[in-house]
Amino acid sequence: MLLIATDEAGYGPKLGPLIITGTAWEVQGHPNRESLDKLFRPLRERNLCGENSVVVDDSKAVFKPSSGLAGLHAVMSACMHWCERSEDSLLAALPWMAPEDFDSLNNTPWLAMKGQDQPWLSSEETKDCLRNWQSTGLRLVGFGSRMITAKAFNEFCAVGANKADLLSQATLHLVKTLAEQYRADADRIDVYCDRHGGRRYYAGVLQHVFSEQIAQVRAETAKESSYQLAGSGPEMSVRFTVKGDRFSPVALASMQAKYLRERCMQAFNRYFANRYTGELTPTAGYPADADRFLTAIADVIEREKISRDHLVRAR
């Protein structure tokens, strides 16, 4: 069975990219959710990864800005080794990790990370952690991301869509890409997503993205919306669950998305601080603080001839 899990970071802010990440897993047999929770238990336990004690959980629970990115960086390093990827840093990995958005990121000066890269931890540093994670036979076969800039965000919304539509469509297109890339001989694909804000109904967007299949509603309750996709290819189920990031594969996607978002915001704040006269307090991009930051950098925006549509999300 192929299991795909997704989550996002940066849905609420006005500044910086929206990040969506999906993790893809090879799982033996067809275990139910309770059995899957047992299989993924080693990821929820604390493990030493290099000098970092790490645990896979919702990124909001494990990441604090004051503690820095070392823990998330260690988890990303372990994931790269688990997938047997050879890229030695984030910049080297981005063309593989986020191919659809790589050019867009490169063409956005305030998201450029050149000169600020950091090598992944070595395989020696992650081996003990990986040994524990792999102890129940699970295999992380790959992962991928969408890194949607403000410019791309605004272009999507300009035709009458909203950011909830963008989140759901981009997430499901990523799921489709990962399924095509990693399904191999899988006879079934199970997809787990954190619920997208307050959205409860997904049949329409599922049918739009998976147009060659028929989307059937299994349940649309206050806690979970679940669907079956029937047609060509392996049987596929898709779930959008309230607090879905408590499920370890979704939690790992959450941590990866948060890491990418924070790396982008480091570059964002560095870009404007280097062009600002005086000391500029960095921003995480959320609406109230984004307005403060935009007022502070108004002269930089004018001097650098930065289009507001390329910098600030319209919605």
C-alpha atoms as a PDB file:
ATOM      1  CA  MET A   1       0.000   0.000   0.000  1.00  0.00           C
ATOM      2  CA  LEU A   2       1.120   3.547  -0.719  1.00  0.00           C
ATOM      3  CA  LEU A   3       0.254   6.061   2.008  1.00  0.00           C
ATOM      4  CA  ILE A   4       0.412   9.794   1.242  1.00  0.00           C
ATOM      5  CA  ALA A   5       0.051  12.454   3.943  1.00  0.00           C
ATOM      6  CA  THR A   6      -0.071  16.238   3.521  1.00  0.00           C
ATOM      7  CA  ASP A   7      -0.049  19.448   5.524  1.00  0.00           C
ATOM      8  CA  GLU A   8       0.699  23.145   5.021  1.00  0.00           C
ATOM      9  CA  ALA A   9       2.533  26.058   6.613  1.00  0.00           C
ATOM     10  CA  GLY A  10       1.921  29.723   5.928  1.00  0.00           C
ATOM     11  CA  TYR A  11      -1.771  29.638   5.047  1.00  0.00           C
ATOM     12  CA  GLY A  12      -2.683  32.585   7.295  1.00  0.00           C
ATOM     13  CA  PRO A  13       0.146  35.109   6.667  1.00  0.00           C
ATOM     14  CA  LYS A  14       0.127  37.993   4.172  1.00  0.00           C
ATOM     15  CA  LEU A  15       3.881  37.806   3.550  1.00  0.00           C
ATOM     16  CA  GLY A  16       6.060  34.915   2.455  1.00  0.00           C
ATOM     17  CA  PRO A  17       5.124  31.738   0.586  1.00  0.00           C
ATOM     18  CA  LEU A  18       2.393  29.204   1.218  1.00  0.00           C
ATOM     19  CA  ILE A  19       4.100  25.828   1.669  1.00  0.00           C
ATOM     20  CA  ILE A  20       2.361  22.476   1.151  1.00  0.00           C
ATOM     21  CA  THR A  21       4.261  19.236   1.692  1.00  0.00           C
ATOM     22  CA  GLY A  22       3.338  15.620   1.110  1.00  0.00           C
ATOM     23  CA  THR A  23       5.125  12.521   2.437  1.00  0.00           C
ATOM     24  CA  ALA A  24       4.859   9.169   0.616  1.00  0.00           C
ATOM     25  CA  TRP A  25       5.211   5.844   2.455  1.00  0.00           C
ATOM     26  CA  GLU A  26       5.413   2.193   1.485  1.00  0.00           C
ATOM     27  CA  VAL A  27       3.334   0.186   3.970  1.00  0.00           C
ATOM     28  CA  GLN A  28       3.019  -3.594   3.970  1.00  0.00           C
ATOM     29  CA  GLY A  29      -0.540  -4.910   3.745  1.00  0.00           C
ATOM     30  CA  HIS A  30      -3.642  -2.777   4.318  1.00  0.00           C
ATOM     31  CA  PRO A  31      -3.555  -1.775   8.008  1.00  0.00           C
ATOM     32  CA  ASN A  32      -6.398   0.299   9.457  1.00  0.00           C
ATOM     33  CA  ARG A  33      -5.841   3.634  11.190  1.00  0.00           C
ATOM     34  CA  GLU A  34      -5.393   2.066  14.635  1.00  0.00           C
ATOM     35  CA  SER A  35      -2.767  -0.340  13.304  1.00  0.00           C
ATOM     36  CA  LEU A  36      -1.040   2.491  11.443  1.00  0.00           C
ATOM     37  CA  ASP A  37      -0.789   4.494  14.659  1.00  0.00           C
ATOM     38  CA  LYS A  38       1.055   1.560  16.224  1.00  0.00           C
ATOM     39  CA  LEU A  39       3.379   1.257  13.226  1.00  0.00           C
ATOM     40  CA  PHE A  40       4.275   4.931  13.393  1.00  0.00           C
ATOM     41  CA  ARG A  41       4.810   4.951  17.178  1.00  0.00           C
ATOM     42  CA  PRO A  42       8.654   5.055  16.915  1.00  0.00           C
ATOM     43  CA  LEU A  43       8.366   8.449  15.175  1.00  0.00           C
ATOM     44  CA  ARG A  44       6.419   9.848  18.134  1.00  0.00           C
ATOM     45  CA  GLU A  45       9.151   8.820  20.575  1.00  0.00           C
ATOM     46  CA  ARG A  46      12.179  11.005  21.270  1.00  0.00           C
ATOM     47  CA  ASN A  47      15.268  10.060  19.286  1.00  0.00           C
ATOM     48  CA  LEU A  48      18.736  11.530  19.135  1.00  0.00           C
ATOM     49  CA  CYS A  49      19.545  12.903  15.686  1.00  0.00           C
ATOM     50  CA  GLY A  50      23.034  14.361  15.732  1.00  0.00           C
ATOM     51  CA  GLU A  51      23.001  16.541  18.838  1.00  0.00           C
ATOM     52  CA  ASN A  52      19.250  17.109  18.623  1.00  0.00           C
ATOM     53  CA  SER A  53      16.526  15.286  20.507  1.00  0.00           C
ATOM     54  CA  VAL A  54      13.715  15.025  17.954  1.00  0.00           C
ATOM     55  CA  VAL A  55      10.136  13.805  17.931  1.00  0.00           C
ATOM     56  CA  VAL A  56       7.675  13.792  15.030  1.00  0.00           C
ATOM     57  CA  ASP A  57       4.633  15.848  15.978  1.00  0.00           C
ATOM     58  CA  ASP A  58       2.590  18.768  14.694  1.00  0.00           C
ATOM     59  CA  SER A  59       5.086  21.527  13.887  1.00  0.00           C
ATOM     60  CA  LYS A  60       3.211  23.996  16.109  1.00  0.00           C
ATOM     61  CA  ALA A  61       3.931  21.695  19.057  1.00  0.00           C
ATOM     62  CA  VAL A  62       7.625  21.045  18.370  1.00  0.00           C
ATOM     63  CA  PHE A  63       8.862  24.327  16.856  1.00  0.00           C
ATOM     64  CA  LYS A  64       9.382  27.578  18.755  1.00  0.00           C
ATOM     65  CA  PRO A  65      11.036  30.499  16.931  1.00  0.00           C
ATOM     66  CA  SER A  66      13.283  31.152  19.931  1.00  0.00           C
ATOM     67  CA  SER A  67      14.744  27.639  19.717  1.00  0.00           C
ATOM     68  CA  GLY A  68      15.839  27.938  16.083  1.00  0.00           C
ATOM     69  CA  LEU A  69      15.662  25.438  13.254  1.00  0.00           C
ATOM     70  CA  ALA A  70      18.176  22.830  14.441  1.00  0.00           C
ATOM     71  CA  GLY A  71      15.528  20.246  15.333  1.00  0.00           C
ATOM     72  CA  LEU A  72      13.587  20.635  12.081  1.00  0.00           C
ATOM     73  CA  HIS A  73      16.861  20.639  10.127  1.00  0.00           C
ATOM     74  CA  ALA A  74      17.820  17.350  11.788  1.00  0.00           C
ATOM     75  CA  VAL A  75      14.448  15.788  10.877  1.00  0.00           C
ATOM     76  CA  MET A  76      14.791  16.967   7.275  1.00  0.00           C
ATOM     77  CA  SER A  77      18.294  15.495   7.159  1.00  0.00           C
ATOM     78  CA  ALA A  78      17.014  12.134   8.388  1.00  0.00           C
ATOM     79  CA  CYS A  79      14.230  12.176   5.797  1.00  0.00           C
ATOM     80  CA  MET A  80      16.708  12.810   2.993  1.00  0.00           C
ATOM     81  CA  HIS A  81      18.778   9.828   4.112  1.00  0.00           C
ATOM     82  CA  TRP A  82      15.689   7.642   4.567  1.00  0.00           C
ATOM     83  CA  CYS A  83      14.734   8.333   0.934  1.00  0.00           C
ATOM     84  CA  GLU A  84      18.337   7.683  -0.126  1.00  0.00           C
ATOM     85  CA  ARG A  85      18.654  11.120  -1.703  1.00  0.00           C
ATOM     86  CA  SER A  86      22.181  12.298  -2.511  1.00  0.00           C
ATOM     87  CA  GLU A  87      21.624  16.083  -2.349  1.00  0.00           C
ATOM     88  CA  ASP A  88      23.696  17.521   0.492  1.00  0.00           C
ATOM     89  CA  SER A  89      21.667  20.646   1.364  1.00  0.00           C
ATOM     90  CA  LEU A  90      18.289  22.321   0.899  1.00  0.00           C
ATOM     91  CA  LEU A  91      19.401  24.412  -2.071  1.00  0.00           C
ATOM     92  CA  ALA A  92      20.659  21.307  -3.817  1.00  0.00           C
ATOM     93  CA  ALA A  93      17.423  19.453  -3.012  1.00  0.00           C
ATOM     94  CA  LEU A  94      14.903  22.137  -4.051  1.00  0.00           C
ATOM     95  CA  PRO A  95      14.837  21.254  -7.789  1.00  0.00           C
ATOM     96  CA  TRP A  96      13.782  17.725  -6.809  1.00  0.00           C
ATOM     97  CA  MET A  97      11.670  18.693  -3.801  1.00  0.00           C
ATOM     98  CA  ALA A  98       9.683  21.562  -5.360  1.00  0.00           C
ATOM     99  CA  PRO A  99      10.147  21.335  -9.152  1.00  0.00           C
ATOM    100  CA  GLU A 100       6.944  23.202 -10.003  1.00  0.00           C
ATOM    101  CA  ASP A 101       7.956  26.273  -8.001  1.00  0.00           C
ATOM    102  CA  PHE A 102      11.749  26.228  -8.311  1.00  0.00           C
ATOM    103  CA  ASP A 103      11.927  28.869 -11.061  1.00  0.00           C
ATOM    104  CA  SER A 104       9.375  31.069  -9.289  1.00  0.00           C
ATOM    105  CA  LEU A 105      11.450  30.979  -6.099  1.00  0.00           C
ATOM    106  CA  ASN A 106      14.648  31.777  -7.997  1.00  0.00           C
ATOM    107  CA  ASN A 107      12.952  34.772  -9.612  1.00  0.00           C
ATOM    108  CA  THR A 108      11.860  36.193  -6.253  1.00  0.00           C
ATOM    109  CA  PRO A 109      14.887  38.058  -4.845  1.00  0.00           C
ATOM    110  CA  TRP A 110      13.638  38.181  -1.231  1.00  0.00           C
ATOM    111  CA  LEU A 111      13.288  34.385  -1.136  1.00  0.00           C
ATOM    112  CA  ALA A 112      16.767  33.625  -2.494  1.00  0.00           C
ATOM    113  CA  MET A 113      18.813  31.514  -0.080  1.00  0.00           C
ATOM    114  CA  LYS A 114      22.109  31.547  -1.972  1.00  0.00           C
ATOM    115  CA  GLY A 115      25.035  32.117   0.342  1.00  0.00           C
ATOM    116  CA  GLN A 116      22.958  31.049   3.343  1.00  0.00           C
ATOM    117  CA  ASP A 117      22.789  27.298   2.748  1.00  0.00           C
ATOM    118  CA  GLN A 118      23.523  24.686   5.390  1.00  0.00           C
ATOM    119  CA  PRO A 119      24.534  21.053   4.775  1.00  0.00           C
ATOM    120  CA  TRP A 120      22.280  18.283   5.990  1.00  0.00           C
ATOM    121  CA  LEU A 121      23.464  16.255   8.952  1.00  0.00           C
ATOM    122  CA  SER A 122      25.617  13.318   7.927  1.00  0.00           C
ATOM    123  CA  SER A 123      24.242   9.786   7.590  1.00  0.00           C
ATOM    124  CA  GLU A 124      26.352   8.870  10.616  1.00  0.00           C
ATOM    125  CA  GLU A 125      24.548  11.512  12.687  1.00  0.00           C
ATOM    126  CA  THR A 126      21.080  10.322  11.633  1.00  0.00           C
ATOM    127  CA  LYS A 127      21.621   6.556  11.589  1.00  0.00           C
ATOM    128  CA  ASP A 128      20.437   5.813  15.159  1.00  0.00           C
ATOM    129  CA  CYS A 129      17.282   7.862  14.698  1.00  0.00           C
ATOM    130  CA  LEU A 130      16.584   6.182  11.360  1.00  0.00           C
ATOM    131  CA  ARG A 131      17.175   2.725  12.827  1.00  0.00           C
ATOM    132  CA  ASN A 132      14.399   3.370  15.346  1.00  0.00           C
ATOM    133  CA  TRP A 133      12.063   4.917  12.762  1.00  0.00           C
ATOM    134  CA  GLN A 134      12.514   1.960  10.413  1.00  0.00           C
ATOM    135  CA  SER A 135      12.117  -0.683  13.124  1.00  0.00           C
ATOM    136  CA  THR A 136       8.528  -1.602  12.186  1.00  0.00           C
ATOM    137  CA  GLY A 137       9.229  -1.959   8.462  1.00  0.00           C
ATOM    138  CA  LEU A 138       7.873   1.380   7.311  1.00  0.00           C
ATOM    139  CA  ARG A 139       9.638   3.032   4.395  1.00  0.00           C
ATOM    140  CA  LEU A 140       9.557   6.720   3.517  1.00  0.00           C
ATOM    141  CA  VAL A 141       9.888   6.499  -0.261  1.00  0.00           C
ATOM    142  CA  GLY A 142       9.728  10.211  -1.016  1.00  0.00           C
ATOM    143  CA  PHE A 143       8.225  13.593  -0.354  1.00  0.00           C
ATOM    144  CA  GLY A 144       7.500  16.755  -2.285  1.00  0.00           C
ATOM    145  CA  SER A 145       6.387  20.333  -1.807  1.00  0.00           C
ATOM    146  CA  ARG A 146       4.591  23.272  -3.333  1.00  0.00           C
ATOM    147  CA  MET A 147       6.209  26.601  -2.423  1.00  0.00           C
ATOM    148  CA  ILE A 148       3.704  29.172  -3.657  1.00  0.00           C
ATOM    149  CA  THR A 149       4.981  32.758  -3.772  1.00  0.00           C
ATOM    150  CA  ALA A 150       2.766  35.805  -3.189  1.00  0.00           C
ATOM    151  CA  LYS A 151       2.879  36.521  -6.936  1.00  0.00           C
ATOM    152  CA  ALA A 152       1.619  33.017  -7.809  1.00  0.00           C
ATOM    153  CA  PHE A 153      -0.910  33.196  -4.960  1.00  0.00           C
ATOM    154  CA  ASN A 154      -2.335  36.477  -6.281  1.00  0.00           C
ATOM    155  CA  GLU A 155      -2.435  35.276  -9.882  1.00  0.00           C
ATOM    156  CA  PHE A 156      -4.527  32.282  -8.799  1.00  0.00           C
ATOM    157  CA  CYS A 157      -6.962  34.440  -6.818  1.00  0.00           C
ATOM    158  CA  ALA A 158      -7.216  37.096  -9.560  1.00  0.00           C
ATOM    159  CA  VAL A 159      -9.543  34.889 -11.623  1.00  0.00           C
ATOM    160  CA  GLY A 160     -12.166  34.760  -8.873  1.00  0.00           C
ATOM    161  CA  ALA A 161     -10.900  31.875  -6.741  1.00  0.00           C
ATOM    162  CA  ASN A 162     -10.011  32.171  -3.056  1.00  0.00           C
ATOM    163  CA  LYS A 163      -7.141  30.914  -0.942  1.00  0.00           C
ATOM    164  CA  ALA A 164      -9.143  27.903   0.281  1.00  0.00           C
ATOM    165  CA  ASP A 165      -9.533  26.831  -3.360  1.00  0.00           C
ATOM    166  CA  LEU A 166      -5.794  27.322  -3.874  1.00  0.00           C
ATOM    167  CA  LEU A 167      -4.898  25.232  -0.815  1.00  0.00           C
ATOM    168  CA  SER A 168      -7.181  22.341  -1.785  1.00  0.00           C
ATOM    169  CA  GLN A 169      -6.279  22.322  -5.474  1.00  0.00           C
ATOM    170  CA  ALA A 170      -2.534  22.612  -4.885  1.00  0.00           C
ATOM    171  CA  THR A 171      -2.635  19.916  -2.185  1.00  0.00           C
ATOM    172  CA  LEU A 172      -4.510  17.442  -4.367  1.00  0.00           C
ATOM    173  CA  HIS A 173      -2.328  18.123  -7.402  1.00  0.00           C
ATOM    174  CA  LEU A 174       0.666  17.362  -5.169  1.00  0.00           C
ATOM    175  CA  VAL A 175      -1.043  14.149  -4.014  1.00  0.00           C
ATOM    176  CA  LYS A 176      -1.612  13.179  -7.644  1.00  0.00           C
ATOM    177  CA  THR A 177       2.036  13.849  -8.505  1.00  0.00           C
ATOM    178  CA  LEU A 178       3.304  11.793  -5.561  1.00  0.00           C
ATOM    179  CA  ALA A 179       0.885   8.957  -6.357  1.00  0.00           C
ATOM    180  CA  GLU A 180       2.069   8.793  -9.962  1.00  0.00           C
ATOM    181  CA  GLN A 181       5.705   8.979  -8.916  1.00  0.00           C
ATOM    182  CA  TYR A 182       5.703   6.397  -6.119  1.00  0.00           C
ATOM    183  CA  ARG A 183       2.776   4.000  -6.556  1.00  0.00           C
ATOM    184  CA  ALA A 184       4.864   1.356  -8.406  1.00  0.00           C
ATOM    185  CA  ASP A 185       3.017  -1.918  -7.769  1.00  0.00           C
ATOM    186  CA  ALA A 186       0.803  -0.592  -4.977  1.00  0.00           C
ATOM    187  CA  ASP A 187      -2.704  -2.041  -5.129  1.00  0.00           C
ATOM    188  CA  ARG A 188      -4.122   0.705  -2.929  1.00  0.00           C
ATOM    189  CA  ILE A 189      -3.391   4.349  -2.079  1.00  0.00           C
ATOM    190  CA  ASP A 190      -4.550   5.912   1.198  1.00  0.00           C
ATOM    191  CA  VAL A 191      -4.329   9.694   1.503  1.00  0.00           C
ATOM    192  CA  TYR A 192      -4.473  11.570   4.813  1.00  0.00           C
ATOM    193  CA  CYS A 193      -4.765  15.372   4.975  1.00  0.00           C
ATOM    194  CA  ASP A 194      -5.279  17.838   7.764  1.00  0.00           C
ATOM    195  CA  ARG A 195      -8.618  19.569   7.157  1.00  0.00           C
ATOM    196  CA  HIS A 196      -8.271  22.766   5.108  1.00  0.00           C
ATOM    197  CA  GLY A 197      -9.464  25.485   7.465  1.00  0.00           C
ATOM    198  CA  GLY A 198     -13.216  25.211   7.951  1.00  0.00           C
ATOM    199  CA  ARG A 199     -13.789  23.481   4.621  1.00  0.00           C
ATOM    200  CA  ARG A 200     -15.979  20.389   4.928  1.00  0.00           C
ATOM    201  CA  TYR A 201     -16.839  19.405   1.334  1.00  0.00           C
ATOM    202  CA  TYR A 202     -14.133  18.270  -1.107  1.00  0.00           C
ATOM    203  CA  ALA A 203     -15.905  16.109  -3.684  1.00  0.00           C
ATOM    204  CA  GLY A 204     -15.908  18.882  -6.296  1.00  0.00           C
ATOM    205  CA  VAL A 205     -12.213  19.666  -6.087  1.00  0.00           C
ATOM    206  CA  LEU A 206     -11.341  15.958  -5.959  1.00  0.00           C
ATOM    207  CA  GLN A 207     -13.348  15.349  -9.140  1.00  0.00           C
ATOM    208  CA  HIS A 208     -11.663  18.339 -10.790  1.00  0.00           C
ATOM    209  CA  VAL A 209      -8.124  17.161  -9.992  1.00  0.00           C
ATOM    210  CA  PHE A 210      -8.746  13.425 -10.509  1.00  0.00           C
ATOM    211  CA  SER A 211     -10.946  13.894 -13.588  1.00  0.00           C
ATOM    212  CA  GLU A 212     -10.207  10.420 -14.924  1.00  0.00           C
ATOM    213  CA  GLN A 213     -11.785   8.823 -11.825  1.00  0.00           C
ATOM    214  CA  ILE A 214     -15.117   9.057 -10.020  1.00  0.00           C
ATOM    215  CA  ALA A 215     -15.117  10.720  -6.591  1.00  0.00           C
ATOM    216  CA  GLN A 216     -17.569   9.076  -4.201  1.00  0.00           C
ATOM    217  CA  VAL A 217     -18.480  10.557  -0.811  1.00  0.00           C
ATOM    218  CA  ARG A 218     -18.026   8.171   2.109  1.00  0.00           C
ATOM    219  CA  ALA A 219     -18.648  10.669   4.940  1.00  0.00           C
ATOM    220  CA  GLU A 220     -18.680  14.430   5.493  1.00  0.00           C
ATOM    221  CA  THR A 221     -18.946  14.895   9.248  1.00  0.00           C
ATOM    222  CA  ALA A 222     -17.800  17.591  11.646  1.00  0.00           C
ATOM    223  CA  LYS A 223     -14.618  15.608  12.329  1.00  0.00           C
ATOM    224  CA  GLU A 224     -13.718  14.061   8.970  1.00  0.00           C
ATOM    225  CA  SER A 225     -14.535  14.229   5.276  1.00  0.00           C
ATOM    226  CA  SER A 226     -13.655  10.999   3.471  1.00  0.00           C
ATOM    227  CA  TYR A 227     -13.897   9.925  -0.156  1.00  0.00           C
ATOM    228  CA  GLN A 228     -13.250   7.008  -2.478  1.00  0.00           C
ATOM    229  CA  LEU A 229     -11.810   7.450  -5.967  1.00  0.00           C
ATOM    230  CA  ALA A 230     -12.833   4.695  -8.355  1.00  0.00           C
ATOM    231  CA  GLY A 231     -11.697   4.107 -11.911  1.00  0.00           C
ATOM    232  CA  SER A 232      -8.328   3.583 -13.534  1.00  0.00           C
ATOM    233  CA  GLY A 233      -5.345   2.726 -11.371  1.00  0.00           C
ATOM    234  CA  PRO A 234      -5.220   1.515  -7.761  1.00  0.00           C
ATOM    235  CA  GLU A 235      -8.125   2.022  -5.393  1.00  0.00           C
ATOM    236  CA  MET A 236      -7.675   5.355  -3.597  1.00  0.00           C
ATOM    237  CA  SER A 237      -9.192   6.756  -0.406  1.00  0.00           C
ATOM    238  CA  VAL A 238      -8.783  10.391   0.662  1.00  0.00           C
ATOM    239  CA  ARG A 239      -9.467  11.773   4.149  1.00  0.00           C
ATOM    240  CA  PHE A 240      -9.494  15.347   5.449  1.00  0.00           C
ATOM    241  CA  THR A 241      -9.474  15.157   9.242  1.00  0.00           C
ATOM    242  CA  VAL A 242      -9.795  17.785  11.974  1.00  0.00           C
ATOM    243  CA  LYS A 243      -6.475  17.828  13.841  1.00  0.00           C
ATOM    244  CA  GLY A 244      -5.171  15.412  11.223  1.00  0.00           C
ATOM    245  CA  ASP A 245      -1.626  16.491  12.073  1.00  0.00           C
ATOM    246  CA  ARG A 246      -1.803  14.254  15.155  1.00  0.00           C
ATOM    247  CA  PHE A 247      -1.248  11.357  12.729  1.00  0.00           C
ATOM    248  CA  SER A 248       2.514  10.894  12.379  1.00  0.00           C
ATOM    249  CA  PRO A 249       2.801  10.936   8.544  1.00  0.00           C
ATOM    250  CA  VAL A 250       0.799  14.179   8.460  1.00  0.00           C
ATOM    251  CA  ALA A 251       2.854  15.553  11.368  1.00  0.00           C
ATOM    252  CA  LEU A 252       6.059  14.880   9.448  1.00  0.00           C
ATOM    253  CA  ALA A 253       4.639  16.741   6.439  1.00  0.00           C
ATOM    254  CA  SER A 254       3.765  19.580   8.824  1.00  0.00           C
ATOM    255  CA  MET A 255       7.353  19.710  10.119  1.00  0.00           C
ATOM    256  CA  GLN A 256       8.810  19.683   6.625  1.00  0.00           C
ATOM    257  CA  ALA A 257       6.456  22.451   5.490  1.00  0.00           C
ATOM    258  CA  LYS A 258       7.322  24.525   8.558  1.00  0.00           C
ATOM    259  CA  TYR A 259      11.045  24.081   7.927  1.00  0.00           C
ATOM    260  CA  LEU A 260      10.713  25.281   4.326  1.00  0.00           C
ATOM    261  CA  ARG A 261       8.528  28.219   5.361  1.00  0.00           C
ATOM    262  CA  GLU A 262      10.989  29.292   8.072  1.00  0.00           C
ATOM    263  CA  ARG A 263      13.962  29.037   5.707  1.00  0.00           C
ATOM    264  CA  CYS A 264      12.086  31.242   3.223  1.00  0.00           C
ATOM    265  CA  MET A 265      11.216  33.776   5.927  1.00  0.00           C
ATOM    266  CA  GLN A 266      14.845  33.922   7.049  1.00  0.00           C
ATOM    267  CA  ALA A 267      15.784  34.882   3.483  1.00  0.00           C
ATOM    268  CA  PHE A 268      12.848  37.326   3.330  1.00  0.00           C
ATOM    269  CA  ASN A 269      13.815  39.163   6.509  1.00  0.00           C
ATOM    270  CA  ARG A 270      17.508  39.155   5.592  1.00  0.00           C
ATOM    271  CA  TYR A 271      16.806  40.707   2.192  1.00  0.00           C
ATOM    272  CA  PHE A 272      14.916  43.672   3.622  1.00  0.00           C
ATOM    273  CA  ALA A 273      17.188  44.117   6.662  1.00  0.00           C
ATOM    274  CA  ASN A 274      20.176  44.440   4.295  1.00  0.00           C
ATOM    275  CA  ARG A 275      18.414  47.290   2.466  1.00  0.00           C
ATOM    276  CA  TYR A 276      16.962  49.062   5.485  1.00  0.00           C
ATOM    277  CA  THR A 277      18.614  51.949   7.301  1.00  0.00           C
ATOM    278  CA  GLY A 278      18.722  51.115  10.991  1.00  0.00           C
ATOM    279  CA  GLU A 279      17.503  48.008  12.801  1.00  0.00           C
ATOM    280  CA  LEU A 280      14.526  46.220  11.277  1.00  0.00           C
ATOM    281  CA  THR A 281      12.472  43.903  13.477  1.00  0.00           C
ATOM    282  CA  PRO A 282      11.811  40.708  11.489  1.00  0.00           C
ATOM    283  CA  THR A 283       8.304  39.489  10.706  1.00  0.00           C
ATOM    284  CA  ALA A 284       6.616  36.101  10.516  1.00  0.00           C
ATOM    285  CA  GLY A 285       4.230  37.591   7.953  1.00  0.00           C
ATOM    286  CA  TYR A 286       0.926  37.411   9.847  1.00  0.00           C
ATOM    287  CA  PRO A 287      -1.527  40.228   9.017  1.00  0.00           C
ATOM    288  CA  ALA A 288      -1.107  42.724  11.870  1.00  0.00           C
ATOM    289  CA  ASP A 289       2.672  42.417  12.008  1.00  0.00           C
ATOM    290  CA  ALA A 290       2.873  42.325   8.206  1.00  0.00           C
ATOM    291  CA  ASP A 291       1.265  45.782   8.124  1.00  0.00           C
ATOM    292  CA  ARG A 292       3.853  47.050  10.610  1.00  0.00           C
ATOM    293  CA  PHE A 293       6.665  45.552   8.534  1.00  0.00           C
ATOM    294  CA  LEU A 294       5.337  46.934   5.243  1.00  0.00           C
ATOM    295  CA  THR A 295       5.116  50.420   6.725  1.00  0.00           C
ATOM    296  CA  ALA A 296       8.707  50.143   7.943  1.00  0.00           C
ATOM    297  CA  ILE A 297      10.067  49.037   4.557  1.00  0.00           C
ATOM    298  CA  ALA A 298       8.005  51.430   2.414  1.00  0.00           C
ATOM    299  CA  ASP A 299      11.155  53.277   1.289  1.00  0.00           C
ATOM    300  CA  VAL A 300      12.865  50.000   0.384  1.00  0.00           C
ATOM    301  CA  ILE A 301       9.849  48.892  -1.674  1.00  0.00           C
ATOM    302  CA  GLU A 302       9.874  52.197  -3.576  1.00  0.00           C
ATOM    303  CA  ARG A 303      13.645  52.273  -4.071  1.00  0.00           C
ATOM    304  CA  GLU A 304      13.828  48.651  -5.262  1.00  0.00           C
ATOM    305  CA  LYS A 305      10.712  49.128  -7.438  1.00  0.00           C
ATOM    306  CA  ILE A 306       9.024  46.079  -5.890  1.00  0.00           C
ATOM    307  CA  SER A 307       5.492  45.389  -7.093  1.00  0.00           C
ATOM    308  CA  ARG A 308       3.087  44.992  -4.191  1.00  0.00           C
ATOM    309  CA  ASP A 309       1.345  42.173  -6.088  1.00  0.00           C
ATOM    310  CA  HIS A 310       4.626  40.245  -6.014  1.00  0.00           C
ATOM    311  CA  LEU A 311       5.205  40.845  -2.293  1.00  0.00           C
ATOM    312  CA  VAL A 312       1.868  40.894  -0.474  1.00  0.00           C
ATOM    313  CA  ARG A 313      -0.970  38.394  -0.760  1.00  0.00           C
ATOM    314  CA  ALA A 314      -4.242  39.968  -1.798  1.00  0.00           C
ATOM    315  CA  ARG A 315      -6.303  37.618   0.417  1.00  0.00           C
END
